Amino acid sequence: MTVFYTYIWLGISILLIGFAVWRDGKPRQNGKIYWFSWKPVILIGAVVVIVLVTHLLNAYGVETGQGRRRF
């Protein structure tokens, strides 16, 4: 995956997390609970963001722990 597409997916993931946080915090008018919880969407989105940020760090040459060990 190129860096350009990584930025696109990172933006989509952040927007999805933002929407899920907004939707999860919005109460219903009649006080009933929702049938669908947005918390799993938030957690999955956070994992995707962590993976994409790690991919970007590796693409820019900032190795995640591998660069320190010189044999």
N, C-alpha and C. Protein backbone atom coordinates (compact mmCIF):
# COMPACT_ATOMS: atom_id res chain seq x y z
N MET A 1 0.85 -1.16 0.00
CA MET A 1 0.00 0.00 0.00
C MET A 1 0.90 1.23 0.00
N THR A 2 0.58 2.18 -0.83
CA THR A 2 1.39 3.39 -0.91
C THR A 2 1.06 4.32 0.25
N VAL A 3 1.91 5.31 0.44
CA VAL A 3 1.72 6.27 1.52
C VAL A 3 0.45 7.08 1.29
N PHE A 4 0.15 7.39 0.04
CA PHE A 4 -1.06 8.15 -0.28
C PHE A 4 -2.31 7.41 0.17
N TYR A 5 -2.39 6.13 -0.16
CA TYR A 5 -3.56 5.34 0.24
C TYR A 5 -3.59 5.11 1.75
N THR A 6 -2.43 5.06 2.37
CA THR A 6 -2.40 4.93 3.82
C THR A 6 -3.00 6.16 4.48
N TYR A 7 -2.67 7.34 3.95
CA TYR A 7 -3.27 8.57 4.48
C TYR A 7 -4.78 8.59 4.26
N ILE A 8 -5.23 8.11 3.12
CA ILE A 8 -6.67 8.06 2.85
C ILE A 8 -7.37 7.15 3.84
N TRP A 9 -6.84 5.94 4.04
CA TRP A 9 -7.46 5.00 4.99
C TRP A 9 -7.37 5.51 6.41
N LEU A 10 -6.29 6.21 6.75
CA LEU A 10 -6.16 6.78 8.08
C LEU A 10 -7.23 7.86 8.31
N GLY A 11 -7.46 8.68 7.31
CA GLY A 11 -8.51 9.69 7.42
C GLY A 11 -9.89 9.09 7.55
N ILE A 12 -10.16 8.05 6.76
CA ILE A 12 -11.45 7.36 6.84
C ILE A 12 -11.63 6.73 8.22
N SER A 13 -10.59 6.13 8.75
CA SER A 13 -10.67 5.50 10.07
C SER A 13 -10.93 6.53 11.16
N ILE A 14 -10.25 7.66 11.07
CA ILE A 14 -10.45 8.71 12.08
C ILE A 14 -11.86 9.29 11.98
N LEU A 15 -12.36 9.47 10.76
CA LEU A 15 -13.74 9.94 10.60
C LEU A 15 -14.74 8.93 11.15
N LEU A 16 -14.49 7.64 10.93
CA LEU A 16 -15.37 6.60 11.45
C LEU A 16 -15.37 6.59 12.97
N ILE A 17 -14.20 6.75 13.58
CA ILE A 17 -14.12 6.81 15.04
C ILE A 17 -14.87 8.05 15.55
N GLY A 18 -14.68 9.17 14.90
CA GLY A 18 -15.38 10.39 15.31
C GLY A 18 -16.89 10.25 15.21
N PHE A 19 -17.37 9.65 14.13
CA PHE A 19 -18.81 9.43 13.98
C PHE A 19 -19.33 8.49 15.05
N ALA A 20 -18.57 7.42 15.34
CA ALA A 20 -19.01 6.45 16.34
C ALA A 20 -19.04 7.07 17.74
N VAL A 21 -18.05 7.91 18.06
CA VAL A 21 -18.05 8.59 19.36
C VAL A 21 -19.23 9.54 19.46
N TRP A 22 -19.50 10.29 18.40
CA TRP A 22 -20.63 11.21 18.38
C TRP A 22 -21.95 10.46 18.52
N ARG A 23 -22.07 9.37 17.79
CA ARG A 23 -23.32 8.60 17.80
C ARG A 23 -23.52 7.88 19.13
N ASP A 24 -22.43 7.42 19.74
CA ASP A 24 -22.53 6.72 21.02
C ASP A 24 -22.91 7.67 22.15
N GLY A 25 -22.50 8.91 22.06
CA GLY A 25 -22.81 9.87 23.11
C GLY A 25 -24.13 10.58 22.95
N LYS A 26 -24.82 10.34 21.85
CA LYS A 26 -26.09 11.01 21.57
C LYS A 26 -27.24 10.23 22.21
N PRO A 27 -27.99 10.83 23.16
CA PRO A 27 -29.09 10.08 23.77
C PRO A 27 -30.32 10.04 22.87
N ARG A 28 -31.15 9.04 23.08
CA ARG A 28 -32.41 8.95 22.34
C ARG A 28 -33.44 9.84 23.00
N GLN A 29 -34.43 10.25 22.22
CA GLN A 29 -35.44 11.16 22.73
C GLN A 29 -36.37 10.50 23.75
N ASN A 30 -36.66 9.21 23.55
CA ASN A 30 -37.62 8.54 24.43
C ASN A 30 -36.94 7.82 25.59
N GLY A 31 -35.64 7.91 25.72
CA GLY A 31 -34.93 7.32 26.85
C GLY A 31 -34.63 5.84 26.72
N LYS A 32 -35.01 5.21 25.62
CA LYS A 32 -34.72 3.79 25.43
C LYS A 32 -33.26 3.60 25.01
N ILE A 33 -32.77 2.39 25.20
CA ILE A 33 -31.40 2.10 24.80
C ILE A 33 -31.37 1.74 23.32
N TYR A 34 -30.21 1.88 22.73
CA TYR A 34 -30.03 1.52 21.33
C TYR A 34 -29.84 0.01 21.19
N TRP A 35 -30.23 -0.52 20.06
CA TRP A 35 -30.02 -1.94 19.78
C TRP A 35 -28.57 -2.21 19.39
N PHE A 36 -27.90 -1.19 18.91
CA PHE A 36 -26.52 -1.35 18.43
C PHE A 36 -25.59 -0.48 19.25
N SER A 37 -24.55 -1.07 19.79
CA SER A 37 -23.54 -0.32 20.53
C SER A 37 -22.41 0.08 19.58
N TRP A 38 -21.98 1.32 19.67
CA TRP A 38 -20.93 1.82 18.81
C TRP A 38 -19.54 1.60 19.38
N LYS A 39 -19.44 1.06 20.59
CA LYS A 39 -18.13 0.86 21.21
C LYS A 39 -17.24 -0.12 20.46
N PRO A 40 -17.75 -1.24 19.92
CA PRO A 40 -16.87 -2.09 19.11
C PRO A 40 -16.33 -1.40 17.86
N VAL A 41 -17.13 -0.52 17.27
CA VAL A 41 -16.66 0.23 16.09
C VAL A 41 -15.51 1.16 16.49
N ILE A 42 -15.63 1.77 17.66
CA ILE A 42 -14.58 2.65 18.15
C ILE A 42 -13.29 1.86 18.38
N LEU A 43 -13.40 0.69 19.00
CA LEU A 43 -12.21 -0.11 19.29
C LEU A 43 -11.55 -0.65 18.03
N ILE A 44 -12.35 -1.13 17.08
CA ILE A 44 -11.79 -1.63 15.82
C ILE A 44 -11.13 -0.48 15.05
N GLY A 45 -11.77 0.68 15.04
CA GLY A 45 -11.19 1.84 14.38
C GLY A 45 -9.87 2.26 15.01
N ALA A 46 -9.79 2.17 16.34
CA ALA A 46 -8.54 2.52 17.02
C ALA A 46 -7.42 1.55 16.66
N VAL A 47 -7.74 0.28 16.55
CA VAL A 47 -6.72 -0.71 16.16
C VAL A 47 -6.24 -0.43 14.73
N VAL A 48 -7.17 -0.11 13.84
CA VAL A 48 -6.80 0.19 12.45
C VAL A 48 -5.90 1.43 12.40
N VAL A 49 -6.22 2.45 13.20
CA VAL A 49 -5.40 3.66 13.23
C VAL A 49 -3.98 3.34 13.72
N ILE A 50 -3.87 2.51 14.75
CA ILE A 50 -2.54 2.13 15.26
C ILE A 50 -1.74 1.39 14.20
N VAL A 51 -2.38 0.48 13.48
CA VAL A 51 -1.69 -0.27 12.43
C VAL A 51 -1.25 0.66 11.30
N LEU A 52 -2.11 1.60 10.90
CA LEU A 52 -1.76 2.50 9.81
C LEU A 52 -0.66 3.48 10.21
N VAL A 53 -0.68 3.95 11.46
CA VAL A 53 0.39 4.84 11.92
C VAL A 53 1.72 4.09 11.95
N THR A 54 1.70 2.84 12.38
CA THR A 54 2.91 2.02 12.35
C THR A 54 3.40 1.84 10.92
N HIS A 55 2.48 1.63 9.99
CA HIS A 55 2.86 1.50 8.58
C HIS A 55 3.50 2.79 8.06
N LEU A 56 2.94 3.93 8.44
CA LEU A 56 3.52 5.20 8.01
C LEU A 56 4.91 5.41 8.61
N LEU A 57 5.08 5.07 9.88
CA LEU A 57 6.40 5.21 10.49
C LEU A 57 7.43 4.34 9.78
N ASN A 58 7.05 3.13 9.42
CA ASN A 58 7.97 2.26 8.69
C ASN A 58 8.23 2.77 7.28
N ALA A 59 7.22 3.36 6.65
CA ALA A 59 7.40 3.88 5.30
C ALA A 59 8.36 5.07 5.28
N TYR A 60 8.35 5.87 6.35
CA TYR A 60 9.25 7.02 6.42
C TYR A 60 10.60 6.69 7.02
N GLY A 61 10.85 5.42 7.31
CA GLY A 61 12.17 5.01 7.77
C GLY A 61 12.35 4.99 9.27
N VAL A 62 11.33 5.30 10.01
CA VAL A 62 11.42 5.22 11.46
C VAL A 62 11.01 3.81 11.84
N GLU A 63 12.00 2.97 11.99
CA GLU A 63 11.71 1.56 12.28
C GLU A 63 11.20 1.43 13.71
N THR A 64 10.31 0.51 13.91
CA THR A 64 9.73 0.32 15.23
C THR A 64 10.51 -0.74 15.99
N GLY A 65 11.67 -0.37 16.49
CA GLY A 65 12.47 -1.26 17.31
C GLY A 65 13.54 -2.02 16.55
N GLN A 66 13.51 -2.08 15.25
CA GLN A 66 14.48 -2.86 14.50
C GLN A 66 15.76 -2.08 14.22
N GLY A 67 15.71 -0.77 14.21
CA GLY A 67 16.88 0.02 13.84
C GLY A 67 17.94 0.11 14.91
N ARG A 68 17.61 -0.15 16.15
CA ARG A 68 18.57 -0.02 17.23
C ARG A 68 19.56 -1.16 17.29
N ARG A 69 19.16 -2.31 16.86
CA ARG A 69 20.01 -3.50 16.96
C ARG A 69 20.94 -3.59 15.76
N ARG A 70 22.19 -3.37 15.99
CA ARG A 70 23.19 -3.48 14.92
C ARG A 70 24.12 -4.62 15.26
N PHE A 71 24.24 -5.58 14.37
CA PHE A 71 25.11 -6.73 14.62
C PHE A 71 26.37 -6.63 13.80
